């Protein structure tokens, strides 16, 4: 669980960096930061309910799609967006037992 929380911290922080470096992404990054920050805090306090896990997954899948779409049209964003996309992919990987 701690590696997942660290990854959420990374995604949250990268949302700030992307917002600073690409101001046009501001509204989308603010929305992502709000949702991720709230759910990250809940995960630390008590864990997440299945509904909250679904909400988090929907948020980061949507964020990934948004970043991929921008990166397709503006390849110069690749260096900023790819680490964020890789972090999101890490959280979305199926858990192997």
PDB file of N, CA and C in Angstrom:
ATOM      1  N   UNK A   1       0.825  -1.203   0.000  1.00  0.00           N
ATOM      2  CA  UNK A   1       0.000   0.000   0.000  1.00  0.00           C
ATOM      3  C   UNK A   1       0.862   1.258   0.000  1.00  0.00           C
ATOM      4  N   UNK A   2       2.017   1.208   0.647  1.00  0.00           N
ATOM      5  CA  UNK A   2       2.837   2.417   0.709  1.00  0.00           C
ATOM      6  C   UNK A   2       3.378   2.804  -0.660  1.00  0.00           C
ATOM      7  N   UNK A   3       3.671   1.827  -1.520  1.00  0.00           N
ATOM      8  CA  UNK A   3       4.148   2.178  -2.861  1.00  0.00           C
ATOM      9  C   UNK A   3       3.033   2.820  -3.683  1.00  0.00           C
ATOM     10  N   UNK A   4       1.800   2.394  -3.464  1.00  0.00           N
ATOM     11  CA  UNK A   4       0.677   3.003  -4.168  1.00  0.00           C
ATOM     12  C   UNK A   4       0.451   4.442  -3.694  1.00  0.00           C
ATOM     13  N   UNK A   5       0.584   4.667  -2.391  1.00  0.00           N
ATOM     14  CA  UNK A   5       0.442   6.028  -1.862  1.00  0.00           C
ATOM     15  C   UNK A   5       1.560   6.921  -2.365  1.00  0.00           C
ATOM     16  N   UNK A   6       2.766   6.382  -2.448  1.00  0.00           N
ATOM     17  CA  UNK A   6       3.884   7.155  -2.992  1.00  0.00           C
ATOM     18  C   UNK A   6       3.630   7.502  -4.454  1.00  0.00           C
ATOM     19  N   UNK A   7       3.070   6.583  -5.180  1.00  0.00           N
ATOM     20  CA  UNK A   7       2.744   6.830  -6.585  1.00  0.00           C
ATOM     21  C   UNK A   7       1.653   7.893  -6.708  1.00  0.00           C
ATOM     22  N   UNK A   8       0.649   7.840  -5.844  1.00  0.00           N
ATOM     23  CA  UNK A   8      -0.382   8.881  -5.843  1.00  0.00           C
ATOM     24  C   UNK A   8       0.224  10.247  -5.526  1.00  0.00           C
ATOM     25  N   UNK A   9       1.167  10.282  -4.584  1.00  0.00           N
ATOM     26  CA  UNK A   9       1.868  11.527  -4.278  1.00  0.00           C
ATOM     27  C   UNK A   9       2.598  12.053  -5.510  1.00  0.00           C
ATOM     28  N   UNK A  10       3.245  11.145  -6.229  1.00  0.00           N
ATOM     29  CA  UNK A  10       3.957  11.543  -7.443  1.00  0.00           C
ATOM     30  C   UNK A  10       2.993  12.115  -8.486  1.00  0.00           C
ATOM     31  N   UNK A  11       1.878  11.433  -8.695  1.00  0.00           N
ATOM     32  CA  UNK A  11       0.888  11.907  -9.673  1.00  0.00           C
ATOM     33  C   UNK A  11       0.356  13.272  -9.256  1.00  0.00           C
ATOM     34  N   UNK A  12       0.054  13.418  -7.979  1.00  0.00           N
ATOM     35  CA  UNK A  12      -0.448  14.685  -7.448  1.00  0.00           C
ATOM     36  C   UNK A  12       0.575  15.797  -7.693  1.00  0.00           C
ATOM     37  N   UNK A  13       1.832  15.551  -7.368  1.00  0.00           N
ATOM     38  CA  UNK A  13       2.876  16.545  -7.565  1.00  0.00           C
ATOM     39  C   UNK A  13       3.100  16.877  -9.029  1.00  0.00           C
ATOM     40  N   UNK A  14       3.054  15.864  -9.873  1.00  0.00           N
ATOM     41  CA  UNK A  14       3.233  16.110 -11.305  1.00  0.00           C
ATOM     42  C   UNK A  14       2.078  16.925 -11.883  1.00  0.00           C
ATOM     43  N   UNK A  15       0.899  16.807 -11.301  1.00  0.00           N
ATOM     44  CA  UNK A  15      -0.218  17.656 -11.747  1.00  0.00           C
ATOM     45  C   UNK A  15       0.125  19.131 -11.520  1.00  0.00           C
ATOM     46  N   UNK A  16       0.763  19.427 -10.392  1.00  0.00           N
ATOM     47  CA  UNK A  16       1.198  20.803 -10.129  1.00  0.00           C
ATOM     48  C   UNK A  16       2.225  21.238 -11.168  1.00  0.00           C
ATOM     49  N   UNK A  17       3.222  20.391 -11.421  1.00  0.00           N
ATOM     50  CA  UNK A  17       4.289  20.730 -12.367  1.00  0.00           C
ATOM     51  C   UNK A  17       3.729  20.934 -13.774  1.00  0.00           C
ATOM     52  N   UNK A  18       2.838  20.057 -14.192  1.00  0.00           N
ATOM     53  CA  UNK A  18       2.234  20.191 -15.519  1.00  0.00           C
ATOM     54  C   UNK A  18       1.447  21.489 -15.603  1.00  0.00           C
ATOM     55  N   UNK A  19       0.720  21.817 -14.553  1.00  0.00           N
ATOM     56  CA  UNK A  19      -0.046  23.057 -14.513  1.00  0.00           C
ATOM     57  C   UNK A  19       0.869  24.275 -14.657  1.00  0.00           C
ATOM     58  N   UNK A  20       2.014  24.260 -14.007  1.00  0.00           N
ATOM     59  CA  UNK A  20       2.949  25.385 -14.072  1.00  0.00           C
ATOM     60  C   UNK A  20       3.571  25.484 -15.466  1.00  0.00           C
ATOM     61  N   UNK A  21       4.000  24.346 -16.010  1.00  0.00           N
ATOM     62  CA  UNK A  21       4.682  24.352 -17.299  1.00  0.00           C
ATOM     63  C   UNK A  21       3.748  24.494 -18.494  1.00  0.00           C
ATOM     64  N   UNK A  22       2.513  24.102 -18.326  1.00  0.00           N
ATOM     65  CA  UNK A  22       1.516  24.175 -19.400  1.00  0.00           C
ATOM     66  C   UNK A  22       0.228  24.768 -18.821  1.00  0.00           C
ATOM     67  N   UNK A  23       0.180  26.097 -18.670  1.00  0.00           N
ATOM     68  CA  UNK A  23      -0.942  26.750 -17.981  1.00  0.00           C
ATOM     69  C   UNK A  23      -2.323  26.441 -18.569  1.00  0.00           C
ATOM     70  N   UNK A  24      -2.380  26.090 -19.846  1.00  0.00           N
ATOM     71  CA  UNK A  24      -3.684  25.769 -20.440  1.00  0.00           C
ATOM     72  C   UNK A  24      -4.315  24.525 -19.824  1.00  0.00           C
ATOM     73  N   UNK A  25      -3.522  23.712 -19.157  1.00  0.00           N
ATOM     74  CA  UNK A  25      -4.045  22.502 -18.523  1.00  0.00           C
ATOM     75  C   UNK A  25      -4.600  22.783 -17.128  1.00  0.00           C
ATOM     76  N   UNK A  26      -4.533  24.024 -16.695  1.00  0.00           N
ATOM     77  CA  UNK A  26      -4.888  24.404 -15.328  1.00  0.00           C
ATOM     78  C   UNK A  26      -6.187  23.831 -14.798  1.00  0.00           C
ATOM     79  N   UNK A  27      -7.307  24.045 -15.486  1.00  0.00           N
ATOM     80  CA  UNK A  27      -8.578  23.532 -14.944  1.00  0.00           C
ATOM     81  C   UNK A  27      -8.589  22.007 -14.784  1.00  0.00           C
ATOM     82  N   UNK A  28      -8.023  21.287 -15.757  1.00  0.00           N
ATOM     83  CA  UNK A  28      -8.031  19.820 -15.669  1.00  0.00           C
ATOM     84  C   UNK A  28      -7.107  19.336 -14.556  1.00  0.00           C
ATOM     85  N   UNK A  29      -5.949  19.986 -14.424  1.00  0.00           N
ATOM     86  CA  UNK A  29      -5.013  19.595 -13.376  1.00  0.00           C
ATOM     87  C   UNK A  29      -5.577  19.925 -11.996  1.00  0.00           C
ATOM     88  N   UNK A  30      -6.281  21.034 -11.878  1.00  0.00           N
ATOM     89  CA  UNK A  30      -6.892  21.400 -10.587  1.00  0.00           C
ATOM     90  C   UNK A  30      -7.928  20.359 -10.179  1.00  0.00           C
ATOM     91  N   UNK A  31      -8.722  19.919 -11.137  1.00  0.00           N
ATOM     92  CA  UNK A  31      -9.728  18.898 -10.854  1.00  0.00           C
ATOM     93  C   UNK A  31      -9.063  17.599 -10.420  1.00  0.00           C
ATOM     94  N   UNK A  32      -8.010  17.206 -11.114  1.00  0.00           N
ATOM     95  CA  UNK A  32      -7.299  15.977 -10.762  1.00  0.00           C
ATOM     96  C   UNK A  32      -6.672  16.100  -9.379  1.00  0.00           C
ATOM     97  N   UNK A  33      -6.039  17.234  -9.093  1.00  0.00           N
ATOM     98  CA  UNK A  33      -5.411  17.422  -7.781  1.00  0.00           C
ATOM     99  C   UNK A  33      -6.445  17.345  -6.665  1.00  0.00           C
ATOM    100  N   UNK A  34      -7.598  17.938  -6.890  1.00  0.00           N
ATOM    101  CA  UNK A  34      -8.637  17.933  -5.865  1.00  0.00           C
ATOM    102  C   UNK A  34      -9.085  16.500  -5.566  1.00  0.00           C
ATOM    103  N   UNK A  35      -9.407  15.755  -6.585  1.00  0.00           N
ATOM    104  CA  UNK A  35      -9.885  14.381  -6.394  1.00  0.00           C
ATOM    105  C   UNK A  35      -8.793  13.481  -5.832  1.00  0.00           C
ATOM    106  N   UNK A  36      -7.612  13.523  -6.422  1.00  0.00           N
ATOM    107  CA  UNK A  36      -6.522  12.668  -5.967  1.00  0.00           C
ATOM    108  C   UNK A  36      -6.116  13.026  -4.543  1.00  0.00           C
ATOM    109  N   UNK A  37      -6.014  14.311  -4.256  1.00  0.00           N
ATOM    110  CA  UNK A  37      -5.627  14.742  -2.907  1.00  0.00           C
ATOM    111  C   UNK A  37      -6.619  14.285  -1.850  1.00  0.00           C
ATOM    112  N   UNK A  38      -7.905  14.443  -2.144  1.00  0.00           N
ATOM    113  CA  UNK A  38      -8.942  14.035  -1.190  1.00  0.00           C
ATOM    114  C   UNK A  38      -8.908  12.534  -0.947  1.00  0.00           C
ATOM    115  N   UNK A  39      -8.822  11.767  -2.016  1.00  0.00           N
ATOM    116  CA  UNK A  39      -8.841  10.314  -1.869  1.00  0.00           C
ATOM    117  C   UNK A  39      -7.538   9.787  -1.273  1.00  0.00           C
ATOM    118  N   UNK A  40      -6.435  10.444  -1.561  1.00  0.00           N
ATOM    119  CA  UNK A  40      -5.162  10.048  -0.959  1.00  0.00           C
ATOM    120  C   UNK A  40      -5.225  10.239   0.549  1.00  0.00           C
ATOM    121  N   UNK A  41      -5.784  11.352   0.988  1.00  0.00           N
ATOM    122  CA  UNK A  41      -5.923  11.601   2.423  1.00  0.00           C
ATOM    123  C   UNK A  41      -6.831  10.568   3.086  1.00  0.00           C
ATOM    124  N   UNK A  42      -7.917  10.213   2.438  1.00  0.00           N
ATOM    125  CA  UNK A  42      -8.814   9.189   2.978  1.00  0.00           C
ATOM    126  C   UNK A  42      -8.118   7.831   3.048  1.00  0.00           C
ATOM    127  N   UNK A  43      -7.314   7.523   2.045  1.00  0.00           N
ATOM    128  CA  UNK A  43      -6.600   6.243   2.039  1.00  0.00           C
ATOM    129  C   UNK A  43      -5.645   6.152   3.221  1.00  0.00           C
ATOM    130  N   UNK A  44      -5.017   7.253   3.552  1.00  0.00           N
ATOM    131  CA  UNK A  44      -4.086   7.266   4.680  1.00  0.00           C
ATOM    132  C   UNK A  44      -4.842   7.118   5.995  1.00  0.00           C
ATOM    133  N   UNK A  45      -5.977   7.793   6.114  1.00  0.00           N
ATOM    134  CA  UNK A  45      -6.752   7.771   7.362  1.00  0.00           C
ATOM    135  C   UNK A  45      -7.396   6.425   7.649  1.00  0.00           C
ATOM    136  N   UNK A  46      -8.092   5.870   6.637  1.00  0.00           N
ATOM    137  CA  UNK A  46      -8.922   4.702   6.928  1.00  0.00           C
ATOM    138  C   UNK A  46      -8.989   3.685   5.796  1.00  0.00           C
ATOM    139  N   UNK A  47      -8.278   3.924   4.724  1.00  0.00           N
ATOM    140  CA  UNK A  47      -8.433   3.069   3.550  1.00  0.00           C
ATOM    141  C   UNK A  47      -9.579   3.586   2.702  1.00  0.00           C
ATOM    142  N   UNK A  48      -9.731   3.050   1.519  1.00  0.00           N
ATOM    143  CA  UNK A  48     -10.767   3.524   0.601  1.00  0.00           C
ATOM    144  C   UNK A  48     -11.894   2.508   0.480  1.00  0.00           C
ATOM    145  N   UNK A  49     -13.102   3.022   0.342  1.00  0.00           N
ATOM    146  CA  UNK A  49     -14.254   2.168   0.075  1.00  0.00           C
ATOM    147  C   UNK A  49     -14.185   1.740  -1.397  1.00  0.00           C
ATOM    148  N   UNK A  50     -14.911   0.703  -1.774  1.00  0.00           N
ATOM    149  CA  UNK A  50     -14.928   0.309  -3.186  1.00  0.00           C
ATOM    150  C   UNK A  50     -15.384   1.451  -4.105  1.00  0.00           C
ATOM    151  N   UNK A  51     -16.315   2.252  -3.643  1.00  0.00           N
ATOM    152  CA  UNK A  51     -16.778   3.383  -4.454  1.00  0.00           C
ATOM    153  C   UNK A  51     -15.668   4.416  -4.634  1.00  0.00           C
ATOM    154  N   UNK A  52     -14.894   4.645  -3.596  1.00  0.00           N
ATOM    155  CA  UNK A  52     -13.789   5.603  -3.691  1.00  0.00           C
ATOM    156  C   UNK A  52     -12.673   5.079  -4.594  1.00  0.00           C
ATOM    157  N   UNK A  53     -12.435   3.772  -4.540  1.00  0.00           N
ATOM    158  CA  UNK A  53     -11.453   3.171  -5.436  1.00  0.00           C
ATOM    159  C   UNK A  53     -11.899   3.367  -6.881  1.00  0.00           C
ATOM    160  N   UNK A  54     -13.178   3.150  -7.147  1.00  0.00           N
ATOM    161  CA  UNK A  54     -13.719   3.360  -8.491  1.00  0.00           C
ATOM    162  C   UNK A  54     -13.579   4.821  -8.915  1.00  0.00           C
ATOM    163  N   UNK A  55     -13.879   5.743  -8.006  1.00  0.00           N
ATOM    164  CA  UNK A  55     -13.756   7.166  -8.318  1.00  0.00           C
ATOM    165  C   UNK A  55     -12.309   7.523  -8.652  1.00  0.00           C
ATOM    166  N   UNK A  56     -11.370   7.009  -7.871  1.00  0.00           N
ATOM    167  CA  UNK A  56      -9.959   7.276  -8.123  1.00  0.00           C
ATOM    168  C   UNK A  56      -9.533   6.694  -9.464  1.00  0.00           C
ATOM    169  N   UNK A  57      -9.950   5.475  -9.733  1.00  0.00           N
ATOM    170  CA  UNK A  57      -9.600   4.842 -11.008  1.00  0.00           C
ATOM    171  C   UNK A  57     -10.166   5.632 -12.179  1.00  0.00           C
ATOM    172  N   UNK A  58     -11.405   6.062 -12.075  1.00  0.00           N
ATOM    173  CA  UNK A  58     -12.013   6.854 -13.143  1.00  0.00           C
ATOM    174  C   UNK A  58     -11.251   8.160 -13.356  1.00  0.00           C
ATOM    175  N   UNK A  59     -10.857   8.790 -12.272  1.00  0.00           N
ATOM    176  CA  UNK A  59     -10.125  10.055 -12.370  1.00  0.00           C
ATOM    177  C   UNK A  59      -8.785   9.874 -13.065  1.00  0.00           C
ATOM    178  N   UNK A  60      -8.025   8.863 -12.654  1.00  0.00           N
ATOM    179  CA  UNK A  60      -6.699   8.734 -13.246  1.00  0.00           C
ATOM    180  C   UNK A  60      -6.753   8.177 -14.677  1.00  0.00           C
ATOM    181  N   UNK A  61      -7.757   7.380 -14.997  1.00  0.00           N
ATOM    182  CA  UNK A  61      -7.937   6.935 -16.383  1.00  0.00           C
ATOM    183  C   UNK A  61      -8.287   8.137 -17.256  1.00  0.00           C
ATOM    184  N   UNK A  62      -9.155   8.988 -16.770  1.00  0.00           N
ATOM    185  CA  UNK A  62      -9.530  10.195 -17.502  1.00  0.00           C
ATOM    186  C   UNK A  62      -8.326  11.125 -17.671  1.00  0.00           C
ATOM    187  N   UNK A  63      -7.536  11.270 -16.620  1.00  0.00           N
ATOM    188  CA  UNK A  63      -6.345  12.107 -16.679  1.00  0.00           C
ATOM    189  C   UNK A  63      -5.358  11.553 -17.703  1.00  0.00           C
ATOM    190  N   UNK A  64      -5.163  10.254 -17.688  1.00  0.00           N
ATOM    191  CA  UNK A  64      -4.263   9.631 -18.666  1.00  0.00           C
ATOM    192  C   UNK A  64      -4.744   9.883 -20.088  1.00  0.00           C
ATOM    193  N   UNK A  65      -6.025   9.729 -20.341  1.00  0.00           N
ATOM    194  CA  UNK A  65      -6.578   9.973 -21.675  1.00  0.00           C
ATOM    195  C   UNK A  65      -6.358  11.419 -22.100  1.00  0.00           C
ATOM    196  N   UNK A  66      -6.578  12.326 -21.175  1.00  0.00           N
ATOM    197  CA  UNK A  66      -6.371  13.756 -21.445  1.00  0.00           C
ATOM    198  C   UNK A  66      -4.918  14.029 -21.832  1.00  0.00           C
ATOM    199  N   UNK A  67      -3.990  13.484 -21.059  1.00  0.00           N
ATOM    200  CA  UNK A  67      -2.571  13.714 -21.334  1.00  0.00           C
ATOM    201  C   UNK A  67      -2.149  13.081 -22.653  1.00  0.00           C
ATOM    202  N   UNK A  68      -2.628  11.891 -22.938  1.00  0.00           N
ATOM    203  CA  UNK A  68      -2.295  11.222 -24.203  1.00  0.00           C
ATOM    204  C   UNK A  68      -2.816  12.017 -25.401  1.00  0.00           C
ATOM    205  N   UNK A  69      -4.009  12.559 -25.272  1.00  0.00           N
ATOM    206  CA  UNK A  69      -4.586  13.345 -26.360  1.00  0.00           C
ATOM    207  C   UNK A  69      -3.758  14.602 -26.628  1.00  0.00           C
ATOM    208  N   UNK A  70      -3.367  15.289 -25.568  1.00  0.00           N
ATOM    209  CA  UNK A  70      -2.540  16.491 -25.742  1.00  0.00           C
ATOM    210  C   UNK A  70      -1.183  16.112 -26.324  1.00  0.00           C
ATOM    211  N   UNK A  71      -0.594  15.050 -25.808  1.00  0.00           N
ATOM    212  CA  UNK A  71       0.726  14.627 -26.265  1.00  0.00           C
ATOM    213  C   UNK A  71       0.713  14.265 -27.748  1.00  0.00           C
ATOM    214  N   UNK A  72      -0.392  13.719 -28.210  1.00  0.00           N
ATOM    215  CA  UNK A  72      -0.520  13.366 -29.624  1.00  0.00           C
ATOM    216  C   UNK A  72      -0.463  14.629 -30.492  1.00  0.00           C
ATOM    217  N   UNK A  73      -1.132  15.690 -30.054  1.00  0.00           N
ATOM    218  CA  UNK A  73      -1.174  16.934 -30.824  1.00  0.00           C
ATOM    219  C   UNK A  73       0.055  17.818 -30.595  1.00  0.00           C
ATOM    220  N   UNK A  74       0.667  17.689 -29.424  1.00  0.00           N
ATOM    221  CA  UNK A  74       1.816  18.528 -29.058  1.00  0.00           C
ATOM    222  C   UNK A  74       2.940  17.639 -28.535  1.00  0.00           C
ATOM    223  N   UNK A  75       3.739  17.072 -29.434  1.00  0.00           N
ATOM    224  CA  UNK A  75       4.795  16.138 -29.027  1.00  0.00           C
ATOM    225  C   UNK A  75       5.812  16.740 -28.057  1.00  0.00           C
ATOM    226  N   UNK A  76       5.930  18.035 -28.018  1.00  0.00           N
ATOM    227  CA  UNK A  76       6.885  18.675 -27.103  1.00  0.00           C
ATOM    228  C   UNK A  76       6.509  18.473 -25.631  1.00  0.00           C
ATOM    229  N   UNK A  77       5.303  17.998 -25.362  1.00  0.00           N
ATOM    230  CA  UNK A  77       4.876  17.739 -23.986  1.00  0.00           C
ATOM    231  C   UNK A  77       5.316  16.365 -23.492  1.00  0.00           C
ATOM    232  N   UNK A  78       5.866  15.574 -24.374  1.00  0.00           N
ATOM    233  CA  UNK A  78       6.210  14.182 -24.055  1.00  0.00           C
ATOM    234  C   UNK A  78       7.063  14.058 -22.792  1.00  0.00           C
ATOM    235  N   UNK A  79       8.086  14.873 -22.655  1.00  0.00           N
ATOM    236  CA  UNK A  79       8.997  14.732 -21.511  1.00  0.00           C
ATOM    237  C   UNK A  79       8.299  15.001 -20.175  1.00  0.00           C
ATOM    238  N   UNK A  80       7.286  15.846 -20.180  1.00  0.00           N
ATOM    239  CA  UNK A  80       6.525  16.125 -18.956  1.00  0.00           C
ATOM    240  C   UNK A  80       5.417  15.110 -18.727  1.00  0.00           C
ATOM    241  N   UNK A  81       4.779  14.678 -19.791  1.00  0.00           N
ATOM    242  CA  UNK A  81       3.587  13.842 -19.654  1.00  0.00           C
ATOM    243  C   UNK A  81       3.886  12.358 -19.502  1.00  0.00           C
ATOM    244  N   UNK A  82       4.934  11.862 -20.154  1.00  0.00           N
ATOM    245  CA  UNK A  82       5.201  10.424 -20.096  1.00  0.00           C
ATOM    246  C   UNK A  82       5.435   9.910 -18.672  1.00  0.00           C
ATOM    247  N   UNK A  83       6.208  10.601 -17.825  1.00  0.00           N
ATOM    248  CA  UNK A  83       6.358  10.092 -16.451  1.00  0.00           C
ATOM    249  C   UNK A  83       5.019  10.008 -15.707  1.00  0.00           C
ATOM    250  N   UNK A  84       4.139  10.970 -15.962  1.00  0.00           N
ATOM    251  CA  UNK A  84       2.814  10.954 -15.341  1.00  0.00           C
ATOM    252  C   UNK A  84       2.011   9.754 -15.846  1.00  0.00           C
ATOM    253  N   UNK A  85       2.076   9.505 -17.125  1.00  0.00           N
ATOM    254  CA  UNK A  85       1.349   8.384 -17.723  1.00  0.00           C
ATOM    255  C   UNK A  85       1.894   7.056 -17.183  1.00  0.00           C
ATOM    256  N   UNK A  86       3.205   6.955 -17.037  1.00  0.00           N
ATOM    257  CA  UNK A  86       3.798   5.722 -16.497  1.00  0.00           C
ATOM    258  C   UNK A  86       3.362   5.497 -15.048  1.00  0.00           C
ATOM    259  N   UNK A  87       3.302   6.557 -14.262  1.00  0.00           N
ATOM    260  CA  UNK A  87       2.855   6.432 -12.868  1.00  0.00           C
ATOM    261  C   UNK A  87       1.389   5.972 -12.816  1.00  0.00           C
ATOM    262  N   UNK A  88       0.570   6.540 -13.683  1.00  0.00           N
ATOM    263  CA  UNK A  88      -0.840   6.142 -13.739  1.00  0.00           C
ATOM    264  C   UNK A  88      -0.945   4.669 -14.152  1.00  0.00           C
ATOM    265  N   UNK A  89      -0.176   4.286 -15.158  1.00  0.00           N
ATOM    266  CA  UNK A  89      -0.200   2.884 -15.601  1.00  0.00           C
ATOM    267  C   UNK A  89       0.199   1.944 -14.470  1.00  0.00           C
ATOM    268  N   UNK A  90       1.164   2.343 -13.652  1.00  0.00           N
ATOM    269  CA  UNK A  90       1.585   1.520 -12.520  1.00  0.00           C
ATOM    270  C   UNK A  90       0.401   1.259 -11.583  1.00  0.00           C
ATOM    271  N   UNK A  91      -0.363   2.318 -11.290  1.00  0.00           N
ATOM    272  CA  UNK A  91      -1.502   2.135 -10.383  1.00  0.00           C
ATOM    273  C   UNK A  91      -2.617   1.305 -10.992  1.00  0.00           C
ATOM    274  N   UNK A  92      -2.714   1.316 -12.291  1.00  0.00           N
ATOM    275  CA  UNK A  92      -3.806   0.593 -12.955  1.00  0.00           C
ATOM    276  C   UNK A  92      -3.453  -0.842 -13.319  1.00  0.00           C
ATOM    277  N   UNK A  93      -2.180  -1.231 -13.129  1.00  0.00           N
ATOM    278  CA  UNK A  93      -1.791  -2.606 -13.426  1.00  0.00           C
ATOM    279  C   UNK A  93      -2.538  -3.577 -12.529  1.00  0.00           C
ATOM    280  N   UNK A  94      -2.934  -4.702 -13.081  1.00  0.00           N
ATOM    281  CA  UNK A  94      -3.589  -5.706 -12.228  1.00  0.00           C
ATOM    282  C   UNK A  94      -2.623  -6.223 -11.166  1.00  0.00           C
ATOM    283  N   UNK A  95      -3.154  -6.508 -10.017  1.00  0.00           N
ATOM    284  CA  UNK A  95      -2.352  -7.034  -8.918  1.00  0.00           C
ATOM    285  C   UNK A  95      -2.170  -8.528  -9.133  1.00  0.00           C
ATOM    286  N   UNK A  96      -0.923  -8.978  -9.155  1.00  0.00           N
ATOM    287  CA  UNK A  96      -0.681 -10.417  -9.305  1.00  0.00           C
ATOM    288  C   UNK A  96      -0.483 -11.027  -7.922  1.00  0.00           C
ATOM    289  N   UNK A  97      -0.964 -12.220  -7.766  1.00  0.00           N
ATOM    290  CA  UNK A  97      -0.877 -12.902  -6.460  1.00  0.00           C
ATOM    291  C   UNK A  97       0.046 -14.075  -6.542  1.00  0.00           C
TER     292      UNK A  97
END
